[in-house]
Each structure stands twice: as C-alpha cells, then as structure tokens.
Amino acid sequence: MGMLEKIRPEKRRTFLGRNRHLVREIGKLSDQLELLRKGSNSWSIHEEAVFESAVIRTTKLVRNSGYTLRRYREFLRQSVIKPFRTQLYPLLDRLDEEEDMVGSSITKLKRFRDHFLVHMDPRFAFIDNTGDRRKEIMNDLEIVFRHIRNHTKLFTEELLHSDPS
C-alpha cells in the first residue's frame, strides 16, 4: 500500500500537490549542491549565483514564513488515516528531532540569507570575508541538505517500509 492510500481521501489531492512541489524543490537543490561540489576554489559569477540560490532554496524549505517541511509533516499528521498513525508518527517525530538537532545550521543559513543576500543589512553585507564565510555556509548547507534528504526518503516511502525504531 502506497502513501497515498494512507491519507484521508479528502486530503489526497492536497497531498499530491504539496508532495510534488517539495520533491521538485529538493531535486533542484540537489542539482545546485552537486554543481557547487564540482566547482573550483575560486567561483565564477555563475557558481556564486547558484550558491546564493541554494542558500535561499534551503532556508525556504526549512525555515520560512510560508510552506516548510515542518508544516508538511504537520499536514501528514493531520491527514493520515487512523490505523497508520502508529507507523507514521514515530517517523515524523524522528524528523522533528533531527530538524531540532540541525537547528544551529539552519539558523546560520537563515541569518546569512537575511543579512547578506536578501536584505543586504549594512551592518554585515559590506564586510568582505566571502572565502571563509562561503566554506562555513557550504558546510551548513550540506548538514541541512542531509536533513532534507531524509524527507525525500519519506516522500518516496523508503522510511515507511523500514523499522521505525
């Protein structure tokens, strides 16, 4: 039985739309990070643009005022059919705990996005230490991306067939 059959019938259309969107966003992020991993130490303007886009996309997925992975998990909690709650809830709880564990990396990415990319906060944006900062932010991107990848496993139901312990 697939994940769709474990969702209440009136929520299935919404589930499919949200799931399709998140999987597409995670796929784009995966492609961006792969390009950055292959890049050299001195980035071109294209690699810099991909880097900035990856930071924005990552923070959008995990900490945004709009739709995030945490809100997706809450949607699943509310939408799953009662007999499957004991199977799904421990997985969602584990993802909540994992997100809390990578919270400092998420906060660093969000702060970088806000101070340097989106709002160009003058207290921070005009300080030139991009080389060191880029390495640090890339490390945080990788940490948060591993967390996001675990959601991809949930979307593709790999976690649903494993032992929830």
N, C-alpha and C. Protein backbone atom coordinates (compact mmCIF):
# COMPACT_ATOMS: atom_id res chain seq x y z
N MET A 1 0.84 -1.17 0.00
CA MET A 1 0.00 0.00 0.00
C MET A 1 0.89 1.23 0.00
N GLY A 2 0.61 2.15 -0.91
CA GLY A 2 1.39 3.37 -1.01
C GLY A 2 0.96 4.43 -0.02
N MET A 3 1.75 5.47 0.05
CA MET A 3 1.47 6.57 0.98
C MET A 3 0.13 7.22 0.68
N LEU A 4 -0.22 7.34 -0.58
CA LEU A 4 -1.47 7.99 -0.96
C LEU A 4 -2.68 7.29 -0.34
N GLU A 5 -2.63 5.98 -0.26
CA GLU A 5 -3.75 5.23 0.31
C GLU A 5 -3.82 5.37 1.84
N LYS A 6 -2.75 5.87 2.44
CA LYS A 6 -2.73 6.05 3.90
C LYS A 6 -3.24 7.44 4.31
N ILE A 7 -3.52 8.27 3.32
CA ILE A 7 -4.02 9.62 3.54
C ILE A 7 -5.53 9.60 3.40
N ARG A 8 -6.21 10.41 4.22
CA ARG A 8 -7.67 10.51 4.13
C ARG A 8 -8.05 10.95 2.72
N PRO A 9 -9.10 10.37 2.17
CA PRO A 9 -9.47 10.66 0.77
C PRO A 9 -9.62 12.15 0.46
N GLU A 10 -10.18 12.92 1.37
CA GLU A 10 -10.39 14.34 1.10
C GLU A 10 -9.09 15.15 1.12
N LYS A 11 -8.00 14.56 1.59
CA LYS A 11 -6.71 15.25 1.67
C LYS A 11 -5.73 14.78 0.58
N ARG A 12 -6.11 13.81 -0.21
CA ARG A 12 -5.17 13.21 -1.17
C ARG A 12 -4.73 14.17 -2.26
N ARG A 13 -5.64 14.96 -2.78
CA ARG A 13 -5.28 15.90 -3.84
C ARG A 13 -4.28 16.94 -3.30
N THR A 14 -4.54 17.43 -2.12
CA THR A 14 -3.63 18.39 -1.49
C THR A 14 -2.28 17.74 -1.24
N PHE A 15 -2.29 16.50 -0.74
CA PHE A 15 -1.05 15.77 -0.51
C PHE A 15 -0.22 15.66 -1.78
N LEU A 16 -0.86 15.28 -2.87
CA LEU A 16 -0.14 15.11 -4.13
C LEU A 16 0.49 16.42 -4.60
N GLY A 17 -0.25 17.52 -4.50
CA GLY A 17 0.27 18.81 -4.92
C GLY A 17 1.45 19.26 -4.07
N ARG A 18 1.31 19.14 -2.75
CA ARG A 18 2.39 19.56 -1.86
C ARG A 18 3.60 18.66 -2.02
N ASN A 19 3.35 17.38 -2.12
CA ASN A 19 4.45 16.43 -2.28
C ASN A 19 5.22 16.69 -3.58
N ARG A 20 4.49 16.89 -4.66
CA ARG A 20 5.12 17.14 -5.96
C ARG A 20 5.98 18.40 -5.90
N HIS A 21 5.47 19.45 -5.28
CA HIS A 21 6.22 20.70 -5.16
C HIS A 21 7.50 20.51 -4.34
N LEU A 22 7.39 19.86 -3.19
CA LEU A 22 8.57 19.68 -2.33
C LEU A 22 9.62 18.80 -2.98
N VAL A 23 9.19 17.74 -3.64
CA VAL A 23 10.14 16.86 -4.32
C VAL A 23 10.86 17.61 -5.43
N ARG A 24 10.14 18.46 -6.15
CA ARG A 24 10.76 19.27 -7.21
C ARG A 24 11.78 20.24 -6.62
N GLU A 25 11.43 20.92 -5.54
CA GLU A 25 12.35 21.87 -4.90
C GLU A 25 13.60 21.15 -4.37
N ILE A 26 13.42 20.00 -3.78
CA ILE A 26 14.56 19.24 -3.25
C ILE A 26 15.44 18.75 -4.39
N GLY A 27 14.84 18.36 -5.49
CA GLY A 27 15.62 17.95 -6.66
C GLY A 27 16.46 19.09 -7.21
N LYS A 28 15.88 20.29 -7.29
CA LYS A 28 16.64 21.46 -7.75
C LYS A 28 17.80 21.75 -6.79
N LEU A 29 17.52 21.68 -5.49
CA LEU A 29 18.57 21.93 -4.51
C LEU A 29 19.69 20.91 -4.63
N SER A 30 19.33 19.67 -4.83
CA SER A 30 20.32 18.61 -5.01
C SER A 30 21.22 18.91 -6.21
N ASP A 31 20.62 19.33 -7.32
CA ASP A 31 21.39 19.67 -8.52
C ASP A 31 22.31 20.86 -8.27
N GLN A 32 21.82 21.86 -7.55
CA GLN A 32 22.64 23.03 -7.24
C GLN A 32 23.85 22.65 -6.39
N LEU A 33 23.62 21.85 -5.37
CA LEU A 33 24.73 21.45 -4.50
C LEU A 33 25.74 20.59 -5.25
N GLU A 34 25.26 19.77 -6.15
CA GLU A 34 26.18 18.96 -6.95
C GLU A 34 27.07 19.84 -7.82
N LEU A 35 26.52 20.87 -8.41
CA LEU A 35 27.32 21.82 -9.19
C LEU A 35 28.36 22.51 -8.32
N LEU A 36 27.97 22.90 -7.12
CA LEU A 36 28.90 23.60 -6.23
C LEU A 36 30.01 22.67 -5.75
N ARG A 37 29.69 21.41 -5.52
CA ARG A 37 30.72 20.45 -5.09
C ARG A 37 31.78 20.26 -6.17
N LYS A 38 31.39 20.34 -7.42
CA LYS A 38 32.32 20.14 -8.53
C LYS A 38 33.13 21.38 -8.84
N GLY A 39 32.74 22.53 -8.32
CA GLY A 39 33.39 23.80 -8.63
C GLY A 39 34.79 23.90 -8.05
N SER A 40 35.50 24.90 -8.53
CA SER A 40 36.86 25.13 -8.05
C SER A 40 36.83 26.01 -6.80
N ASN A 41 38.00 26.35 -6.29
CA ASN A 41 38.09 27.21 -5.12
C ASN A 41 37.68 28.65 -5.42
N SER A 42 37.98 29.12 -6.62
CA SER A 42 37.55 30.47 -7.00
C SER A 42 36.32 30.35 -7.90
N TRP A 43 35.21 30.82 -7.40
CA TRP A 43 33.95 30.64 -8.11
C TRP A 43 33.74 31.72 -9.15
N SER A 44 33.11 31.31 -10.24
CA SER A 44 32.69 32.26 -11.27
C SER A 44 31.40 32.93 -10.80
N ILE A 45 30.95 33.88 -11.55
CA ILE A 45 29.70 34.57 -11.21
C ILE A 45 28.53 33.59 -11.26
N HIS A 46 28.61 32.59 -12.13
CA HIS A 46 27.55 31.60 -12.23
C HIS A 46 27.50 30.72 -10.98
N GLU A 47 28.67 30.31 -10.52
CA GLU A 47 28.71 29.48 -9.32
C GLU A 47 28.26 30.28 -8.09
N GLU A 48 28.60 31.55 -8.07
CA GLU A 48 28.16 32.42 -6.97
C GLU A 48 26.63 32.53 -6.97
N ALA A 49 26.05 32.66 -8.15
CA ALA A 49 24.59 32.74 -8.26
C ALA A 49 23.93 31.43 -7.83
N VAL A 50 24.52 30.31 -8.20
CA VAL A 50 24.00 29.00 -7.79
C VAL A 50 24.10 28.86 -6.27
N PHE A 51 25.20 29.31 -5.70
CA PHE A 51 25.39 29.27 -4.25
C PHE A 51 24.31 30.07 -3.53
N GLU A 52 24.08 31.30 -3.98
CA GLU A 52 23.07 32.14 -3.36
C GLU A 52 21.67 31.53 -3.51
N SER A 53 21.39 30.99 -4.67
CA SER A 53 20.10 30.35 -4.89
C SER A 53 19.93 29.12 -3.98
N ALA A 54 20.99 28.37 -3.80
CA ALA A 54 20.93 27.18 -2.93
C ALA A 54 20.66 27.59 -1.49
N VAL A 55 21.29 28.66 -1.03
CA VAL A 55 21.05 29.13 0.34
C VAL A 55 19.59 29.55 0.49
N ILE A 56 19.09 30.30 -0.47
CA ILE A 56 17.70 30.77 -0.41
C ILE A 56 16.74 29.59 -0.47
N ARG A 57 16.98 28.65 -1.38
CA ARG A 57 16.09 27.49 -1.52
C ARG A 57 16.11 26.64 -0.24
N THR A 58 17.27 26.45 0.35
CA THR A 58 17.36 25.64 1.56
C THR A 58 16.59 26.28 2.70
N THR A 59 16.81 27.57 2.91
CA THR A 59 16.10 28.22 4.01
C THR A 59 14.60 28.28 3.74
N LYS A 60 14.24 28.38 2.48
CA LYS A 60 12.82 28.37 2.13
C LYS A 60 12.18 27.03 2.51
N LEU A 61 12.91 25.96 2.34
CA LEU A 61 12.37 24.64 2.66
C LEU A 61 12.26 24.37 4.16
N VAL A 62 13.18 24.92 4.95
CA VAL A 62 13.20 24.56 6.37
C VAL A 62 12.77 25.67 7.32
N ARG A 63 12.93 26.91 6.93
CA ARG A 63 12.54 27.98 7.84
C ARG A 63 12.11 29.19 7.03
N ASN A 64 10.82 29.27 6.83
CA ASN A 64 10.25 30.32 6.02
C ASN A 64 8.93 30.72 6.64
N SER A 65 8.38 31.83 6.22
CA SER A 65 7.07 32.21 6.72
C SER A 65 5.97 31.46 5.96
N GLY A 66 6.32 30.83 4.87
CA GLY A 66 5.36 30.10 4.06
C GLY A 66 5.36 28.61 4.38
N TYR A 67 5.34 27.82 3.35
CA TYR A 67 5.22 26.38 3.49
C TYR A 67 6.60 25.75 3.67
N THR A 68 6.80 25.01 4.75
CA THR A 68 8.09 24.39 5.05
C THR A 68 7.91 22.89 5.24
N LEU A 69 9.02 22.20 5.41
CA LEU A 69 8.96 20.76 5.66
C LEU A 69 8.27 20.46 6.99
N ARG A 70 8.46 21.31 7.99
CA ARG A 70 7.77 21.11 9.27
C ARG A 70 6.26 21.20 9.09
N ARG A 71 5.81 22.15 8.30
CA ARG A 71 4.37 22.27 8.03
C ARG A 71 3.87 21.08 7.22
N TYR A 72 4.71 20.56 6.36
CA TYR A 72 4.34 19.36 5.61
C TYR A 72 4.16 18.18 6.56
N ARG A 73 5.06 18.06 7.52
CA ARG A 73 4.93 16.96 8.50
C ARG A 73 3.65 17.13 9.32
N GLU A 74 3.31 18.34 9.69
CA GLU A 74 2.07 18.58 10.43
C GLU A 74 0.85 18.24 9.57
N PHE A 75 0.93 18.56 8.29
CA PHE A 75 -0.15 18.19 7.38
C PHE A 75 -0.32 16.68 7.34
N LEU A 76 0.80 15.95 7.27
CA LEU A 76 0.74 14.49 7.26
C LEU A 76 0.12 13.95 8.55
N ARG A 77 0.52 14.51 9.69
CA ARG A 77 -0.04 14.08 10.98
C ARG A 77 -1.55 14.20 10.98
N GLN A 78 -2.04 15.28 10.43
CA GLN A 78 -3.48 15.53 10.44
C GLN A 78 -4.22 14.76 9.36
N SER A 79 -3.51 14.29 8.35
CA SER A 79 -4.17 13.71 7.18
C SER A 79 -4.12 12.19 7.11
N VAL A 80 -3.24 11.57 7.90
CA VAL A 80 -3.09 10.11 7.79
C VAL A 80 -4.30 9.41 8.43
N ILE A 81 -4.69 8.31 7.83
CA ILE A 81 -5.80 7.51 8.34
C ILE A 81 -5.37 6.88 9.66
N LYS A 82 -6.30 6.81 10.59
CA LYS A 82 -6.01 6.40 11.96
C LYS A 82 -5.19 5.10 12.08
N PRO A 83 -5.49 4.02 11.36
CA PRO A 83 -4.70 2.79 11.54
C PRO A 83 -3.21 2.93 11.22
N PHE A 84 -2.84 3.94 10.44
CA PHE A 84 -1.45 4.09 10.02
C PHE A 84 -0.69 5.11 10.88
N ARG A 85 -1.36 5.72 11.83
CA ARG A 85 -0.71 6.73 12.67
C ARG A 85 0.44 6.14 13.48
N THR A 86 0.26 4.94 14.00
CA THR A 86 1.32 4.33 14.81
C THR A 86 2.57 4.05 13.98
N GLN A 87 2.39 3.88 12.70
CA GLN A 87 3.53 3.66 11.80
C GLN A 87 4.19 4.97 11.39
N LEU A 88 3.39 5.99 11.12
CA LEU A 88 3.91 7.24 10.59
C LEU A 88 4.39 8.21 11.67
N TYR A 89 3.70 8.30 12.78
CA TYR A 89 4.05 9.29 13.81
C TYR A 89 5.48 9.17 14.33
N PRO A 90 5.99 7.96 14.60
CA PRO A 90 7.40 7.88 15.05
C PRO A 90 8.38 8.40 14.01
N LEU A 91 8.08 8.20 12.73
CA LEU A 91 8.95 8.71 11.67
C LEU A 91 8.92 10.24 11.64
N LEU A 92 7.73 10.80 11.76
CA LEU A 92 7.61 12.25 11.77
C LEU A 92 8.27 12.85 13.00
N ASP A 93 8.12 12.17 14.14
CA ASP A 93 8.78 12.64 15.37
C ASP A 93 10.30 12.63 15.21
N ARG A 94 10.81 11.59 14.57
CA ARG A 94 12.25 11.49 14.35
C ARG A 94 12.74 12.63 13.45
N LEU A 95 11.96 12.97 12.43
CA LEU A 95 12.33 14.09 11.55
C LEU A 95 12.25 15.42 12.30
N ASP A 96 11.27 15.57 13.20
CA ASP A 96 11.20 16.78 14.03
C ASP A 96 12.44 16.91 14.90
N GLU A 97 12.83 15.80 15.53
CA GLU A 97 14.01 15.81 16.40
C GLU A 97 15.27 16.11 15.59
N GLU A 98 15.37 15.52 14.41
CA GLU A 98 16.53 15.76 13.56
C GLU A 98 16.60 17.23 13.16
N GLU A 99 15.45 17.83 12.84
CA GLU A 99 15.45 19.24 12.47
C GLU A 99 15.89 20.11 13.64
N ASP A 100 15.49 19.72 14.84
CA ASP A 100 15.94 20.45 16.03
C ASP A 100 17.46 20.32 16.21
N MET A 101 18.00 19.14 15.89
CA MET A 101 19.44 18.91 16.04
C MET A 101 20.26 19.74 15.05
N VAL A 102 19.73 19.98 13.86
CA VAL A 102 20.46 20.79 12.87
C VAL A 102 20.01 22.25 12.92
N GLY A 103 19.30 22.61 13.97
CA GLY A 103 18.76 23.96 14.10
C GLY A 103 19.81 25.05 14.04
N SER A 104 21.00 24.81 14.60
CA SER A 104 22.03 25.86 14.56
C SER A 104 22.49 26.11 13.12
N SER A 105 22.61 25.06 12.32
CA SER A 105 22.98 25.24 10.91
C SER A 105 21.87 25.95 10.14
N ILE A 106 20.64 25.61 10.45
CA ILE A 106 19.51 26.27 9.80
C ILE A 106 19.51 27.76 10.14
N THR A 107 19.76 28.06 11.41
CA THR A 107 19.80 29.46 11.85
C THR A 107 20.92 30.22 11.16
N LYS A 108 22.09 29.60 11.02
CA LYS A 108 23.21 30.26 10.34
C LYS A 108 22.88 30.55 8.87
N LEU A 109 22.24 29.58 8.20
CA LEU A 109 21.85 29.79 6.81
C LEU A 109 20.82 30.91 6.69
N LYS A 110 19.86 30.90 7.57
CA LYS A 110 18.81 31.93 7.55
C LYS A 110 19.42 33.31 7.81
N ARG A 111 20.31 33.40 8.77
CA ARG A 111 20.96 34.67 9.08
C ARG A 111 21.80 35.14 7.89
N PHE A 112 22.54 34.23 7.27
CA PHE A 112 23.33 34.59 6.09
C PHE A 112 22.42 35.08 4.97
N ARG A 113 21.34 34.35 4.74
CA ARG A 113 20.39 34.75 3.70
C ARG A 113 19.84 36.15 3.98
N ASP A 114 19.42 36.38 5.21
CA ASP A 114 18.82 37.67 5.56
C ASP A 114 19.84 38.81 5.52
N HIS A 115 21.00 38.61 6.12
CA HIS A 115 21.98 39.69 6.25
C HIS A 115 22.72 39.99 4.96
N PHE A 116 23.04 38.98 4.18
CA PHE A 116 23.93 39.17 3.04
C PHE A 116 23.22 39.12 1.69
N LEU A 117 22.17 38.31 1.56
CA LEU A 117 21.59 38.09 0.24
C LEU A 117 20.30 38.87 0.01
N VAL A 118 19.39 38.76 0.92
CA VAL A 118 18.05 39.29 0.67
C VAL A 118 17.93 40.75 1.08
N HIS A 119 18.29 41.06 2.31
CA HIS A 119 18.08 42.41 2.82
C HIS A 119 19.33 43.28 2.75
N MET A 120 20.48 42.68 2.52
CA MET A 120 21.76 43.40 2.49
C MET A 120 21.89 44.34 3.68
N ASP A 121 21.77 43.78 4.83
CA ASP A 121 21.90 44.53 6.07
C ASP A 121 23.26 45.23 6.08
N PRO A 122 23.31 46.56 6.13
CA PRO A 122 24.59 47.28 6.03
C PRO A 122 25.56 46.96 7.15
N ARG A 123 25.07 46.44 8.27
CA ARG A 123 25.98 46.06 9.35
C ARG A 123 26.82 44.86 8.96
N PHE A 124 26.36 44.08 7.98
CA PHE A 124 27.04 42.83 7.63
C PHE A 124 27.40 42.73 6.15
N ALA A 125 26.57 43.24 5.27
CA ALA A 125 26.67 42.96 3.84
C ALA A 125 27.94 43.50 3.20
N PHE A 126 28.55 44.53 3.76
CA PHE A 126 29.70 45.14 3.10
C PHE A 126 31.02 44.73 3.72
N ILE A 127 30.99 43.72 4.56
CA ILE A 127 32.20 43.15 5.13
C ILE A 127 32.69 42.07 4.17
N ASP A 128 33.90 42.17 3.72
CA ASP A 128 34.40 41.24 2.71
C ASP A 128 35.20 40.11 3.36
N ASN A 129 34.53 39.04 3.69
CA ASN A 129 35.20 37.82 4.14
C ASN A 129 34.48 36.63 3.50
N THR A 130 34.23 36.77 2.19
CA THR A 130 33.43 35.79 1.48
C THR A 130 34.05 34.41 1.41
N GLY A 131 35.36 34.31 1.30
CA GLY A 131 36.01 32.99 1.19
C GLY A 131 35.78 32.13 2.42
N ASP A 132 36.08 32.67 3.58
CA ASP A 132 35.86 31.91 4.82
C ASP A 132 34.38 31.66 5.06
N ARG A 133 33.59 32.67 4.85
CA ARG A 133 32.15 32.55 5.08
C ARG A 133 31.54 31.52 4.14
N ARG A 134 31.99 31.50 2.89
CA ARG A 134 31.44 30.57 1.91
C ARG A 134 31.68 29.12 2.34
N LYS A 135 32.89 28.83 2.83
CA LYS A 135 33.18 27.46 3.30
C LYS A 135 32.29 27.08 4.46
N GLU A 136 32.12 28.00 5.39
CA GLU A 136 31.27 27.75 6.55
C GLU A 136 29.82 27.53 6.13
N ILE A 137 29.33 28.37 5.24
CA ILE A 137 27.95 28.25 4.78
C ILE A 137 27.77 26.97 3.95
N MET A 138 28.76 26.61 3.15
CA MET A 138 28.67 25.35 2.39
C MET A 138 28.57 24.16 3.33
N ASN A 139 29.32 24.19 4.42
CA ASN A 139 29.24 23.13 5.41
C ASN A 139 27.83 23.06 6.00
N ASP A 140 27.26 24.21 6.36
CA ASP A 140 25.90 24.24 6.90
C ASP A 140 24.88 23.78 5.85
N LEU A 141 25.11 24.16 4.60
CA LEU A 141 24.22 23.69 3.52
C LEU A 141 24.21 22.17 3.44
N GLU A 142 25.39 21.57 3.53
CA GLU A 142 25.48 20.10 3.46
C GLU A 142 24.76 19.45 4.64
N ILE A 143 24.92 20.01 5.84
CA ILE A 143 24.27 19.47 7.04
C ILE A 143 22.75 19.52 6.88
N VAL A 144 22.25 20.67 6.48
CA VAL A 144 20.79 20.83 6.34
C VAL A 144 20.28 20.01 5.18
N PHE A 145 21.08 19.89 4.12
CA PHE A 145 20.64 19.08 2.98
C PHE A 145 20.49 17.61 3.36
N ARG A 146 21.36 17.09 4.21
CA ARG A 146 21.19 15.71 4.67
C ARG A 146 19.85 15.54 5.39
N HIS A 147 19.49 16.53 6.18
CA HIS A 147 18.18 16.51 6.85
C HIS A 147 17.05 16.54 5.81
N ILE A 148 17.19 17.39 4.82
CA ILE A 148 16.17 17.48 3.78
C ILE A 148 16.07 16.17 3.00
N ARG A 149 17.21 15.53 2.75
CA ARG A 149 17.23 14.24 2.05
C ARG A 149 16.42 13.18 2.80
N ASN A 150 16.43 13.22 4.12
CA ASN A 150 15.63 12.28 4.88
C ASN A 150 14.14 12.46 4.61
N HIS A 151 13.74 13.68 4.31
CA HIS A 151 12.35 13.91 3.92
C HIS A 151 12.07 13.29 2.56
N THR A 152 13.05 13.39 1.66
CA THR A 152 12.89 12.79 0.34
C THR A 152 12.65 11.28 0.48
N LYS A 153 13.38 10.66 1.42
CA LYS A 153 13.16 9.24 1.66
C LYS A 153 11.73 8.98 2.12
N LEU A 154 11.21 9.88 2.94
CA LEU A 154 9.82 9.73 3.39
C LEU A 154 8.87 9.87 2.21
N PHE A 155 9.15 10.84 1.32
CA PHE A 155 8.28 11.04 0.17
C PHE A 155 8.26 9.81 -0.72
N THR A 156 9.40 9.17 -0.86
CA THR A 156 9.48 8.00 -1.73
C THR A 156 9.18 6.71 -0.99
N GLU A 157 8.77 6.85 0.27
CA GLU A 157 8.28 5.75 1.09
C GLU A 157 9.35 4.78 1.55
N GLU A 158 10.62 5.11 1.38
CA GLU A 158 11.67 4.22 1.87
C GLU A 158 11.58 4.08 3.39
N LEU A 159 11.30 5.18 4.07
CA LEU A 159 11.21 5.12 5.53
C LEU A 159 9.97 4.36 6.00
N LEU A 160 8.91 4.39 5.20
CA LEU A 160 7.67 3.74 5.63
C LEU A 160 7.80 2.22 5.67
N HIS A 161 8.77 1.71 4.94
CA HIS A 161 8.96 0.26 4.93
C HIS A 161 10.05 -0.20 5.84
N SER A 162 10.66 0.74 6.57
CA SER A 162 11.72 0.37 7.49
C SER A 162 11.19 0.35 8.91
N ASP A 163 12.00 -0.18 9.80
CA ASP A 163 11.64 -0.25 11.21
C ASP A 163 11.70 1.14 11.80
N PRO A 164 10.59 1.64 12.42
CA PRO A 164 10.58 3.00 12.93
C PRO A 164 11.48 3.22 14.16
N SER A 165 12.10 2.23 14.70
CA SER A 165 12.93 2.44 15.91
C SER A 165 14.29 2.97 15.59
